Amino acid sequence: MASDRQKSAGPGHVAIIMDGNGRWAQSRGRPRLFGHHAGAKRVRQIVEACPELGVKYLTIFAFSTENWKRTQVEVAGLMSLFRRYITKEARALKEEGVRVRFIGDRVRLDDKLVALMDELETLTEENDRVHLTIALNYGGRDEVARATKRLAQDVAAGRLDPEGVDEETLPRYLDTCVLPDPDLVIRTSGEARISNFLLWQSAYAEYEFIDTLWPDFSPEIFSDLVGNYGNRERRYGAVPA
């Protein structure tokens, strides 16, 4: 953990709740899926901006466990968009040094999408310029529940001593076990809630809630928010000296 009192040059890991695609489209008299397509294009620009800003890890919230409640048309359109995005962007991500990981429960996703996800993870596994993590069918509570189940199974099998379980144990069972915790969490679209995103991991993250809708979230806005992070004092529970 960082020292009790620290100003950071910038966040190494940024997590983004990409909100506002539907409203962006509707404000233009277009269907919600039009906004999701625009939002997908924006992802590439933000990923490309990361190295210059010193952001090594970027985690984006693409589809939550609660998003299944949307209309069948929108859900089907999103799943199709994810398949097309992976197919279209795979080569560019590989060539640009981006390592891609997916977090979330894959059980409910269709086999073709899961196969594409697996292929992209394998294709980019040697990359290290930017680590892009895509949260797909992800929910923070669901993640903790699944992690706790695996932990309990290890206890029952005698692989883990329950007396040794502490706050360092559970993270080893989370979907993000190989990632550092986020330093900065950004939510677009003017909503000021975290919507079940990275609940455990974001315990000490800084938050930025901004009014900009995701398709309008430019690299310039991203740069400003990353710069603002460097002006924040990171005390981790301590008081200023």
Protein backbone atom coordinates (compact mmCIF):
# COMPACT_ATOMS: atom_id res chain seq x y z
CA MET A 1 0.00 0.00 0.00
CA ALA A 2 1.09 3.54 -0.62
CA SER A 3 2.37 5.74 2.18
CA ASP A 4 -0.22 7.39 4.45
CA ARG A 5 0.12 10.72 2.69
CA GLN A 6 0.86 10.71 -0.99
CA LYS A 7 0.19 12.69 -4.13
CA SER A 8 0.27 10.57 -7.25
CA ALA A 9 1.64 11.56 -10.62
CA GLY A 10 -1.29 9.73 -12.15
CA PRO A 11 -3.43 6.62 -11.86
CA GLY A 12 -1.91 3.39 -13.09
CA HIS A 13 -5.30 1.69 -13.23
CA VAL A 14 -8.45 3.46 -14.36
CA ALA A 15 -11.87 1.80 -14.33
CA ILE A 16 -14.77 3.30 -16.29
CA ILE A 17 -18.52 2.84 -16.02
CA MET A 18 -19.45 3.68 -19.61
CA ASP A 19 -22.93 5.11 -19.22
CA GLY A 20 -25.18 7.16 -21.46
CA ASN A 21 -25.11 5.40 -24.83
CA GLY A 22 -28.88 5.02 -25.00
CA ARG A 23 -29.63 8.60 -23.98
CA TRP A 24 -27.04 9.89 -26.45
CA ALA A 25 -28.81 8.05 -29.28
CA GLN A 26 -32.32 9.01 -28.20
CA SER A 27 -31.36 12.68 -28.02
CA ARG A 28 -30.55 12.37 -31.71
CA GLY A 29 -33.75 10.56 -32.57
CA ARG A 30 -31.94 7.27 -33.09
CA PRO A 31 -32.46 3.81 -31.52
CA ARG A 32 -30.50 2.94 -28.39
CA LEU A 33 -28.30 0.46 -30.26
CA PHE A 34 -27.01 3.33 -32.40
CA GLY A 35 -25.59 4.78 -29.21
CA HIS A 36 -23.99 1.48 -28.21
CA HIS A 37 -22.21 1.32 -31.57
CA ALA A 38 -20.95 4.88 -31.08
CA GLY A 39 -19.78 3.96 -27.59
CA ALA A 40 -17.85 0.96 -28.88
CA LYS A 41 -15.94 3.20 -31.28
CA ARG A 42 -15.06 5.50 -28.37
CA VAL A 43 -13.43 2.62 -26.50
CA ARG A 44 -10.65 2.36 -29.07
CA GLN A 45 -9.74 6.05 -28.69
CA ILE A 46 -9.56 5.79 -24.92
CA VAL A 47 -7.41 2.65 -25.08
CA GLU A 48 -5.06 4.39 -27.53
CA ALA A 49 -4.75 7.37 -25.16
CA CYS A 50 -3.66 5.27 -22.18
CA PRO A 51 0.11 4.88 -22.81
CA GLU A 52 0.77 8.60 -23.17
CA LEU A 53 -1.19 9.25 -19.96
CA GLY A 54 0.70 6.59 -18.01
CA VAL A 55 -2.37 4.41 -17.61
CA LYS A 56 -1.19 0.80 -17.72
CA TYR A 57 -4.50 -0.82 -16.78
CA LEU A 58 -7.94 0.11 -18.09
CA THR A 59 -11.08 -1.72 -16.99
CA ILE A 60 -14.40 -0.97 -18.68
CA PHE A 61 -17.92 -1.98 -17.66
CA ALA A 62 -19.50 -3.31 -20.85
CA PHE A 63 -22.50 -5.35 -19.64
CA SER A 64 -23.72 -5.93 -16.10
CA THR A 65 -25.58 -8.87 -14.58
CA GLU A 66 -28.54 -6.49 -14.28
CA ASN A 67 -28.52 -5.54 -17.97
CA TRP A 68 -30.39 -8.74 -18.85
CA LYS A 69 -33.50 -6.86 -17.66
CA ARG A 70 -33.39 -4.70 -20.79
CA THR A 71 -35.52 -5.53 -23.83
CA GLN A 72 -34.69 -8.66 -25.79
CA VAL A 73 -33.97 -6.50 -28.82
CA GLU A 74 -31.39 -4.41 -26.97
CA VAL A 75 -29.74 -7.40 -25.28
CA ALA A 76 -29.51 -9.32 -28.55
CA GLY A 77 -28.11 -6.23 -30.26
CA LEU A 78 -25.48 -5.80 -27.56
CA MET A 79 -24.39 -9.43 -27.79
CA SER A 80 -24.07 -9.08 -31.55
CA LEU A 81 -22.08 -5.88 -31.05
CA PHE A 82 -19.68 -7.63 -28.66
CA ARG A 83 -19.08 -10.42 -31.18
CA ARG A 84 -18.44 -7.95 -33.99
CA TYR A 85 -16.21 -5.77 -31.82
CA ILE A 86 -13.97 -8.69 -30.87
CA THR A 87 -13.75 -9.94 -34.46
CA LYS A 88 -13.04 -6.49 -35.88
CA GLU A 89 -10.61 -5.22 -33.24
CA ALA A 90 -8.61 -8.37 -32.47
CA ARG A 91 -5.76 -7.75 -34.91
CA ALA A 92 -5.41 -4.06 -33.99
CA LEU A 93 -5.37 -4.84 -30.28
CA LYS A 94 -2.68 -7.44 -30.85
CA GLU A 95 -0.54 -5.12 -32.96
CA GLU A 96 -0.91 -2.18 -30.54
CA GLY A 97 0.38 -4.20 -27.60
CA VAL A 98 -2.94 -4.40 -25.75
CA ARG A 99 -3.55 -7.39 -23.54
CA VAL A 100 -7.25 -8.16 -23.22
CA ARG A 101 -8.96 -9.96 -20.36
CA PHE A 102 -12.63 -10.52 -19.65
CA ILE A 103 -14.16 -10.66 -16.18
CA GLY A 104 -17.65 -11.74 -15.22
CA ASP A 105 -19.72 -14.91 -15.29
CA ARG A 106 -19.54 -16.51 -18.74
CA VAL A 107 -22.14 -19.20 -18.07
CA ARG A 108 -25.05 -17.18 -19.45
CA LEU A 109 -23.20 -15.97 -22.54
CA ASP A 110 -23.61 -17.81 -25.85
CA ASP A 111 -20.92 -20.27 -26.90
CA LYS A 112 -19.79 -18.29 -29.95
CA LEU A 113 -19.18 -15.16 -27.90
CA VAL A 114 -17.31 -17.10 -25.21
CA ALA A 115 -15.12 -18.72 -27.87
CA LEU A 116 -14.26 -15.31 -29.30
CA MET A 117 -13.43 -14.02 -25.83
CA ASP A 118 -11.13 -16.97 -25.20
CA GLU A 119 -9.44 -16.50 -28.57
CA LEU A 120 -8.81 -12.80 -27.96
CA GLU A 121 -7.34 -13.46 -24.52
CA THR A 122 -4.99 -16.06 -26.00
CA LEU A 123 -4.08 -13.87 -28.98
CA THR A 124 -3.03 -10.96 -26.77
CA GLU A 125 -1.61 -12.79 -23.76
CA GLU A 126 1.98 -11.78 -24.52
CA ASN A 127 1.16 -8.06 -24.77
CA ASP A 128 2.05 -5.65 -21.97
CA ARG A 129 1.68 -2.08 -23.26
CA VAL A 130 -1.89 -1.67 -22.00
CA HIS A 131 -3.96 -4.17 -20.03
CA LEU A 132 -7.59 -3.83 -21.12
CA THR A 133 -10.11 -5.65 -18.96
CA ILE A 134 -13.68 -5.89 -20.19
CA ALA A 135 -16.38 -6.60 -17.61
CA LEU A 136 -19.02 -8.63 -19.46
CA ASN A 137 -21.99 -10.12 -17.61
CA TYR A 138 -20.29 -8.76 -14.51
CA GLY A 139 -21.64 -7.71 -11.14
CA GLY A 140 -19.59 -6.96 -8.05
CA ARG A 141 -21.86 -8.89 -5.69
CA ASP A 142 -21.99 -11.82 -8.09
CA GLU A 143 -18.20 -11.81 -8.31
CA VAL A 144 -17.81 -11.85 -4.52
CA ALA A 145 -20.40 -14.64 -4.22
CA ARG A 146 -18.59 -16.76 -6.80
CA ALA A 147 -15.24 -16.07 -5.14
CA THR A 148 -16.62 -17.00 -1.72
CA LYS A 149 -17.99 -20.25 -3.12
CA ARG A 150 -14.56 -21.20 -4.49
CA LEU A 151 -12.92 -20.22 -1.21
CA ALA A 152 -15.41 -22.37 0.73
CA GLN A 153 -14.72 -25.31 -1.58
CA ASP A 154 -10.99 -25.02 -0.85
CA VAL A 155 -11.69 -24.92 2.88
CA ALA A 156 -13.94 -27.99 2.62
CA ALA A 157 -11.28 -29.86 0.63
CA GLY A 158 -8.59 -29.03 3.19
CA ARG A 159 -6.63 -26.84 0.78
CA LEU A 160 -7.21 -23.71 2.86
CA ASP A 161 -7.07 -23.22 6.62
CA PRO A 162 -10.14 -21.17 7.66
CA GLU A 163 -8.15 -19.66 10.54
CA GLY A 164 -5.80 -18.14 7.99
CA VAL A 165 -8.50 -16.39 5.98
CA ASP A 166 -8.14 -12.59 6.08
CA GLU A 167 -8.72 -9.60 3.83
CA GLU A 168 -5.80 -10.66 1.65
CA THR A 169 -7.33 -14.07 0.97
CA LEU A 170 -10.53 -13.28 -0.90
CA PRO A 171 -8.87 -11.15 -3.62
CA ARG A 172 -7.03 -14.26 -4.78
CA TYR A 173 -10.41 -15.75 -5.71
CA LEU A 174 -11.82 -12.68 -7.49
CA ASP A 175 -12.01 -12.35 -11.27
CA THR A 176 -9.42 -9.58 -11.00
CA CYS A 177 -6.88 -11.63 -9.02
CA VAL A 178 -4.03 -10.81 -11.43
CA LEU A 179 -4.82 -7.08 -11.60
CA PRO A 180 -3.95 -4.20 -9.30
CA ASP A 181 -6.86 -2.41 -7.65
CA PRO A 182 -8.15 0.62 -9.57
CA ASP A 183 -6.79 4.00 -8.55
CA LEU A 184 -9.49 6.01 -10.30
CA VAL A 185 -13.09 5.09 -11.18
CA ILE A 186 -14.92 7.27 -13.69
CA ARG A 187 -18.64 7.22 -14.39
CA THR A 188 -20.07 9.11 -17.32
CA SER A 189 -23.63 10.43 -17.94
CA GLY A 190 -24.28 12.33 -14.72
CA GLU A 191 -25.25 9.39 -12.53
CA ALA A 192 -23.55 9.35 -9.13
CA ARG A 193 -23.59 5.69 -8.20
CA ILE A 194 -21.22 2.76 -8.68
CA SER A 195 -23.82 0.25 -9.93
CA ASN A 196 -22.28 -2.89 -8.47
CA PHE A 197 -18.92 -2.35 -10.18
CA LEU A 198 -15.65 -3.57 -8.62
CA LEU A 199 -17.07 -3.32 -5.11
CA TRP A 200 -14.16 -4.98 -3.31
CA GLN A 201 -11.41 -3.62 -5.51
CA SER A 202 -12.45 0.04 -5.33
CA ALA A 203 -12.30 0.41 -1.55
CA TYR A 204 -9.63 3.13 -1.81
CA ALA A 205 -10.20 4.35 -5.37
CA GLU A 206 -10.87 7.97 -6.18
CA TYR A 207 -14.13 8.64 -8.04
CA GLU A 208 -15.11 11.06 -10.80
CA PHE A 209 -18.80 11.39 -11.73
CA ILE A 210 -19.15 13.51 -14.85
CA ASP A 211 -22.11 14.66 -16.93
CA THR A 212 -20.61 13.72 -20.31
CA LEU A 213 -22.38 10.84 -22.06
CA TRP A 214 -20.03 8.00 -22.98
CA PRO A 215 -20.04 8.52 -26.79
CA ASP A 216 -18.89 12.10 -26.14
CA PHE A 217 -16.14 11.05 -23.71
CA SER A 218 -13.07 12.23 -25.60
CA PRO A 219 -9.37 11.52 -24.98
CA GLU A 220 -9.10 15.19 -23.93
CA ILE A 221 -11.67 14.71 -21.16
CA PHE A 222 -9.91 11.52 -20.15
CA SER A 223 -6.60 13.35 -19.97
CA ASP A 224 -8.09 16.07 -17.77
CA LEU A 225 -9.49 13.54 -15.31
CA VAL A 226 -6.21 11.65 -15.15
CA GLY A 227 -4.45 14.96 -14.52
CA ASN A 228 -6.90 15.87 -11.76
CA TYR A 229 -6.06 12.64 -9.97
CA GLY A 230 -2.49 13.81 -9.48
CA ASN A 231 -3.72 16.76 -7.41
CA ARG A 232 -5.56 14.59 -4.92
CA GLU A 233 -4.06 13.70 -1.58
CA ARG A 234 -4.07 9.95 -0.91
CA ARG A 235 -4.21 9.39 2.88
CA TYR A 236 -5.65 5.85 3.13
CA GLY A 237 -7.48 6.58 6.36
CA ALA A 238 -4.80 8.75 7.97
CA VAL A 239 -5.18 12.45 8.82
CA PRO A 240 -3.14 15.20 7.12
CA ALA A 241 0.20 15.92 8.78
